[in-house]
Protein backbone atom coordinates (compact mmCIF):
# COMPACT_ATOMS: atom_id res chain seq x y z
CA UNK A 1 0.00 0.00 0.00
CA UNK A 2 1.61 3.24 -1.16
CA UNK A 3 1.19 6.51 0.67
CA UNK A 4 0.28 9.48 -1.44
CA UNK A 5 3.00 12.06 -1.82
CA UNK A 6 1.95 15.68 -1.52
CA UNK A 7 1.85 17.36 -4.88
CA UNK A 8 4.09 20.32 -5.49
CA UNK A 9 2.36 23.50 -6.54
CA UNK A 10 3.83 26.15 -8.76
CA UNK A 11 1.36 28.85 -7.67
CA UNK A 12 1.40 30.98 -4.52
CA UNK A 13 -0.95 30.10 -1.66
CA UNK A 14 -4.52 31.27 -1.94
CA UNK A 15 -5.76 34.22 0.07
CA UNK A 16 -7.50 32.05 2.64
CA UNK A 17 -4.19 30.24 3.35
CA UNK A 18 -2.41 33.51 4.22
CA UNK A 19 -2.53 34.82 7.79
CA UNK A 20 -5.13 37.47 8.55
CA UNK A 21 -3.20 40.76 8.81
CA UNK A 22 -5.87 42.17 11.12
CA UNK A 23 -5.59 39.28 13.58
CA UNK A 24 -4.93 40.75 17.08
CA UNK A 25 -2.47 37.93 17.84
CA UNK A 26 -0.36 38.87 14.83
CA UNK A 27 -0.47 42.56 15.80
CA UNK A 28 0.62 41.69 19.35
CA UNK A 29 3.47 39.56 18.03
CA UNK A 30 4.71 42.30 15.71
CA UNK A 31 4.29 44.95 18.39
CA UNK A 32 6.43 42.91 20.76
CA UNK A 33 9.16 42.66 18.16
CA UNK A 34 9.13 46.42 17.68
CA UNK A 35 9.30 47.07 21.43
CA UNK A 36 12.33 44.81 21.72
CA UNK A 37 14.31 47.24 19.57
CA UNK A 38 12.76 50.55 20.61
CA UNK A 39 13.71 52.40 23.77
CA UNK A 40 10.76 52.46 26.23
CA UNK A 41 11.25 56.14 27.12
CA UNK A 42 11.94 57.40 23.61
CA UNK A 43 9.51 58.61 21.02
CA UNK A 44 7.95 55.99 18.77
CA UNK A 45 10.18 54.92 15.93
CA UNK A 46 13.49 55.75 17.61
CA UNK A 47 15.78 52.76 17.86
CA UNK A 48 17.88 52.04 20.91
CA UNK A 49 21.60 51.74 20.25
CA UNK A 50 22.60 48.36 21.59
CA UNK A 51 26.00 47.73 23.17
CA UNK A 52 28.31 45.42 21.23
CA UNK A 53 28.36 41.86 22.55
CA UNK A 54 31.20 40.95 24.89
CA UNK A 55 34.23 39.43 23.19
CA UNK A 56 34.28 35.65 23.03
CA UNK A 57 36.03 33.81 25.84
CA UNK A 58 39.67 33.12 25.08
CA UNK A 59 40.81 29.51 25.52
CA UNK A 60 43.75 30.36 27.79
CA UNK A 61 41.42 32.29 30.15
CA UNK A 62 39.43 29.12 30.92
CA UNK A 63 39.60 28.34 34.66
CA UNK A 64 40.51 24.73 33.80
CA UNK A 65 43.84 25.87 32.30
CA UNK A 66 46.49 25.34 34.95
CA UNK A 67 49.74 27.32 34.95
CA UNK A 68 51.66 24.40 36.48
CA UNK A 69 50.92 22.02 33.57
CA UNK A 70 53.48 21.85 30.77
CA UNK A 71 52.49 20.46 27.39
CA UNK A 72 54.86 19.20 24.71
CA UNK A 73 55.00 20.64 21.22
CA UNK A 74 57.40 19.24 18.66
CA UNK A 75 59.09 21.81 16.51
CA UNK A 76 60.53 20.85 13.15
CA UNK A 77 63.73 22.77 12.52
CA UNK A 78 66.01 22.57 9.52
CA UNK A 79 69.15 20.67 10.47
CA UNK A 80 71.32 23.78 10.28
CA UNK A 81 69.15 25.63 12.80
CA UNK A 82 69.15 22.68 15.16
CA UNK A 83 72.96 22.70 15.04
CA UNK A 84 72.97 26.46 15.67
CA UNK A 85 70.63 25.99 18.62
CA UNK A 86 72.90 23.30 20.05
CA UNK A 87 75.89 25.62 19.58
CA UNK A 88 74.09 28.36 21.54
CA UNK A 89 73.28 25.89 24.32
CA UNK A 90 76.89 24.67 24.45
CA UNK A 91 78.34 28.19 24.57
CA UNK A 92 75.89 29.96 26.90
CA UNK A 93 74.38 29.11 30.27
CA UNK A 94 70.98 28.62 28.59
CA UNK A 95 69.64 25.24 27.56
CA UNK A 96 68.05 24.82 24.14
CA UNK A 97 64.60 24.78 25.80
CA UNK A 98 65.27 27.84 27.95
CA UNK A 99 66.66 29.83 25.00
CA UNK A 100 63.63 29.05 22.84
CA UNK A 101 61.12 29.75 25.63
CA UNK A 102 62.68 33.12 26.50
CA UNK A 103 62.26 34.26 22.90
CA UNK A 104 59.07 32.44 21.93
CA UNK A 105 56.72 33.25 24.84
CA UNK A 106 56.99 37.07 24.51
CA UNK A 107 56.56 36.74 20.72
CA UNK A 108 53.36 34.70 21.24
CA UNK A 109 51.97 37.29 23.69
CA UNK A 110 52.79 40.14 21.31
CA UNK A 111 51.04 38.40 18.41
CA UNK A 112 47.96 37.67 20.57
CA UNK A 113 47.79 41.34 21.57
CA UNK A 114 47.84 42.28 17.88
CA UNK A 115 45.14 39.73 17.01
CA UNK A 116 42.68 40.68 19.74
CA UNK A 117 43.32 44.39 19.47
CA UNK A 118 45.07 45.12 22.74
CA UNK A 119 47.53 47.95 22.74
CA UNK A 120 51.10 46.82 23.22
C-alpha atoms as a PDB file:
ATOM      1  CA  UNK A   1       0.000   0.000   0.000  1.00  0.00           C
ATOM      2  CA  UNK A   2       1.613   3.240  -1.157  1.00  0.00           C
ATOM      3  CA  UNK A   3       1.192   6.512   0.667  1.00  0.00           C
ATOM      4  CA  UNK A   4       0.277   9.479  -1.442  1.00  0.00           C
ATOM      5  CA  UNK A   5       3.003  12.059  -1.818  1.00  0.00           C
ATOM      6  CA  UNK A   6       1.952  15.676  -1.520  1.00  0.00           C
ATOM      7  CA  UNK A   7       1.852  17.358  -4.881  1.00  0.00           C
ATOM      8  CA  UNK A   8       4.094  20.321  -5.486  1.00  0.00           C
ATOM      9  CA  UNK A   9       2.362  23.502  -6.536  1.00  0.00           C
ATOM     10  CA  UNK A  10       3.827  26.147  -8.759  1.00  0.00           C
ATOM     11  CA  UNK A  11       1.363  28.846  -7.674  1.00  0.00           C
ATOM     12  CA  UNK A  12       1.397  30.981  -4.524  1.00  0.00           C
ATOM     13  CA  UNK A  13      -0.946  30.099  -1.657  1.00  0.00           C
ATOM     14  CA  UNK A  14      -4.522  31.269  -1.940  1.00  0.00           C
ATOM     15  CA  UNK A  15      -5.761  34.219   0.066  1.00  0.00           C
ATOM     16  CA  UNK A  16      -7.497  32.046   2.645  1.00  0.00           C
ATOM     17  CA  UNK A  17      -4.187  30.242   3.346  1.00  0.00           C
ATOM     18  CA  UNK A  18      -2.411  33.512   4.217  1.00  0.00           C
ATOM     19  CA  UNK A  19      -2.526  34.817   7.793  1.00  0.00           C
ATOM     20  CA  UNK A  20      -5.128  37.474   8.554  1.00  0.00           C
ATOM     21  CA  UNK A  21      -3.200  40.759   8.808  1.00  0.00           C
ATOM     22  CA  UNK A  22      -5.869  42.172  11.122  1.00  0.00           C
ATOM     23  CA  UNK A  23      -5.587  39.275  13.578  1.00  0.00           C
ATOM     24  CA  UNK A  24      -4.926  40.746  17.081  1.00  0.00           C
ATOM     25  CA  UNK A  25      -2.471  37.927  17.844  1.00  0.00           C
ATOM     26  CA  UNK A  26      -0.362  38.870  14.831  1.00  0.00           C
ATOM     27  CA  UNK A  27      -0.468  42.555  15.799  1.00  0.00           C
ATOM     28  CA  UNK A  28       0.620  41.688  19.354  1.00  0.00           C
ATOM     29  CA  UNK A  29       3.475  39.564  18.034  1.00  0.00           C
ATOM     30  CA  UNK A  30       4.715  42.299  15.706  1.00  0.00           C
ATOM     31  CA  UNK A  31       4.292  44.945  18.393  1.00  0.00           C
ATOM     32  CA  UNK A  32       6.429  42.915  20.765  1.00  0.00           C
ATOM     33  CA  UNK A  33       9.158  42.660  18.155  1.00  0.00           C
ATOM     34  CA  UNK A  34       9.130  46.422  17.676  1.00  0.00           C
ATOM     35  CA  UNK A  35       9.302  47.069  21.426  1.00  0.00           C
ATOM     36  CA  UNK A  36      12.331  44.809  21.719  1.00  0.00           C
ATOM     37  CA  UNK A  37      14.309  47.242  19.565  1.00  0.00           C
ATOM     38  CA  UNK A  38      12.760  50.555  20.613  1.00  0.00           C
ATOM     39  CA  UNK A  39      13.708  52.397  23.770  1.00  0.00           C
ATOM     40  CA  UNK A  40      10.756  52.456  26.229  1.00  0.00           C
ATOM     41  CA  UNK A  41      11.245  56.139  27.123  1.00  0.00           C
ATOM     42  CA  UNK A  42      11.938  57.403  23.612  1.00  0.00           C
ATOM     43  CA  UNK A  43       9.513  58.614  21.015  1.00  0.00           C
ATOM     44  CA  UNK A  44       7.947  55.990  18.770  1.00  0.00           C
ATOM     45  CA  UNK A  45      10.185  54.921  15.935  1.00  0.00           C
ATOM     46  CA  UNK A  46      13.495  55.749  17.609  1.00  0.00           C
ATOM     47  CA  UNK A  47      15.777  52.765  17.856  1.00  0.00           C
ATOM     48  CA  UNK A  48      17.882  52.038  20.914  1.00  0.00           C
ATOM     49  CA  UNK A  49      21.601  51.740  20.250  1.00  0.00           C
ATOM     50  CA  UNK A  50      22.605  48.356  21.585  1.00  0.00           C
ATOM     51  CA  UNK A  51      26.001  47.729  23.172  1.00  0.00           C
ATOM     52  CA  UNK A  52      28.313  45.424  21.227  1.00  0.00           C
ATOM     53  CA  UNK A  53      28.359  41.863  22.548  1.00  0.00           C
ATOM     54  CA  UNK A  54      31.198  40.949  24.889  1.00  0.00           C
ATOM     55  CA  UNK A  55      34.226  39.433  23.187  1.00  0.00           C
ATOM     56  CA  UNK A  56      34.283  35.647  23.033  1.00  0.00           C
ATOM     57  CA  UNK A  57      36.027  33.811  25.844  1.00  0.00           C
ATOM     58  CA  UNK A  58      39.667  33.124  25.083  1.00  0.00           C
ATOM     59  CA  UNK A  59      40.808  29.510  25.520  1.00  0.00           C
ATOM     60  CA  UNK A  60      43.748  30.360  27.787  1.00  0.00           C
ATOM     61  CA  UNK A  61      41.416  32.294  30.149  1.00  0.00           C
ATOM     62  CA  UNK A  62      39.432  29.125  30.919  1.00  0.00           C
ATOM     63  CA  UNK A  63      39.603  28.339  34.660  1.00  0.00           C
ATOM     64  CA  UNK A  64      40.508  24.731  33.800  1.00  0.00           C
ATOM     65  CA  UNK A  65      43.843  25.874  32.300  1.00  0.00           C
ATOM     66  CA  UNK A  66      46.488  25.343  34.947  1.00  0.00           C
ATOM     67  CA  UNK A  67      49.738  27.319  34.946  1.00  0.00           C
ATOM     68  CA  UNK A  68      51.661  24.398  36.475  1.00  0.00           C
ATOM     69  CA  UNK A  69      50.920  22.016  33.571  1.00  0.00           C
ATOM     70  CA  UNK A  70      53.484  21.852  30.774  1.00  0.00           C
ATOM     71  CA  UNK A  71      52.495  20.464  27.393  1.00  0.00           C
ATOM     72  CA  UNK A  72      54.862  19.199  24.713  1.00  0.00           C
ATOM     73  CA  UNK A  73      54.999  20.641  21.222  1.00  0.00           C
ATOM     74  CA  UNK A  74      57.396  19.238  18.658  1.00  0.00           C
ATOM     75  CA  UNK A  75      59.094  21.808  16.508  1.00  0.00           C
ATOM     76  CA  UNK A  76      60.532  20.846  13.151  1.00  0.00           C
ATOM     77  CA  UNK A  77      63.734  22.767  12.519  1.00  0.00           C
ATOM     78  CA  UNK A  78      66.011  22.566   9.520  1.00  0.00           C
ATOM     79  CA  UNK A  79      69.153  20.674  10.470  1.00  0.00           C
ATOM     80  CA  UNK A  80      71.323  23.775  10.278  1.00  0.00           C
ATOM     81  CA  UNK A  81      69.155  25.630  12.795  1.00  0.00           C
ATOM     82  CA  UNK A  82      69.147  22.683  15.162  1.00  0.00           C
ATOM     83  CA  UNK A  83      72.960  22.699  15.041  1.00  0.00           C
ATOM     84  CA  UNK A  84      72.967  26.457  15.669  1.00  0.00           C
ATOM     85  CA  UNK A  85      70.627  25.986  18.619  1.00  0.00           C
ATOM     86  CA  UNK A  86      72.903  23.295  20.053  1.00  0.00           C
ATOM     87  CA  UNK A  87      75.890  25.622  19.584  1.00  0.00           C
ATOM     88  CA  UNK A  88      74.090  28.363  21.542  1.00  0.00           C
ATOM     89  CA  UNK A  89      73.276  25.887  24.325  1.00  0.00           C
ATOM     90  CA  UNK A  90      76.893  24.668  24.447  1.00  0.00           C
ATOM     91  CA  UNK A  91      78.343  28.186  24.570  1.00  0.00           C
ATOM     92  CA  UNK A  92      75.889  29.956  26.897  1.00  0.00           C
ATOM     93  CA  UNK A  93      74.379  29.105  30.274  1.00  0.00           C
ATOM     94  CA  UNK A  94      70.975  28.622  28.590  1.00  0.00           C
ATOM     95  CA  UNK A  95      69.638  25.237  27.555  1.00  0.00           C
ATOM     96  CA  UNK A  96      68.048  24.822  24.139  1.00  0.00           C
ATOM     97  CA  UNK A  97      64.599  24.775  25.797  1.00  0.00           C
ATOM     98  CA  UNK A  98      65.267  27.842  27.948  1.00  0.00           C
ATOM     99  CA  UNK A  99      66.662  29.828  25.005  1.00  0.00           C
ATOM    100  CA  UNK A 100      63.626  29.052  22.841  1.00  0.00           C
ATOM    101  CA  UNK A 101      61.124  29.754  25.634  1.00  0.00           C
ATOM    102  CA  UNK A 102      62.684  33.118  26.500  1.00  0.00           C
ATOM    103  CA  UNK A 103      62.256  34.263  22.896  1.00  0.00           C
ATOM    104  CA  UNK A 104      59.067  32.441  21.933  1.00  0.00           C
ATOM    105  CA  UNK A 105      56.716  33.254  24.841  1.00  0.00           C
ATOM    106  CA  UNK A 106      56.993  37.067  24.508  1.00  0.00           C
ATOM    107  CA  UNK A 107      56.564  36.740  20.722  1.00  0.00           C
ATOM    108  CA  UNK A 108      53.363  34.702  21.237  1.00  0.00           C
ATOM    109  CA  UNK A 109      51.968  37.288  23.691  1.00  0.00           C
ATOM    110  CA  UNK A 110      52.791  40.139  21.311  1.00  0.00           C
ATOM    111  CA  UNK A 111      51.041  38.396  18.412  1.00  0.00           C
ATOM    112  CA  UNK A 112      47.964  37.668  20.567  1.00  0.00           C
ATOM    113  CA  UNK A 113      47.793  41.341  21.566  1.00  0.00           C
ATOM    114  CA  UNK A 114      47.838  42.278  17.879  1.00  0.00           C
ATOM    115  CA  UNK A 115      45.142  39.731  17.012  1.00  0.00           C
ATOM    116  CA  UNK A 116      42.681  40.682  19.744  1.00  0.00           C
ATOM    117  CA  UNK A 117      43.324  44.389  19.473  1.00  0.00           C
ATOM    118  CA  UNK A 118      45.070  45.121  22.742  1.00  0.00           C
ATOM    119  CA  UNK A 119      47.533  47.951  22.744  1.00  0.00           C
ATOM    120  CA  UNK A 120      51.099  46.824  23.221  1.00  0.00           C
END
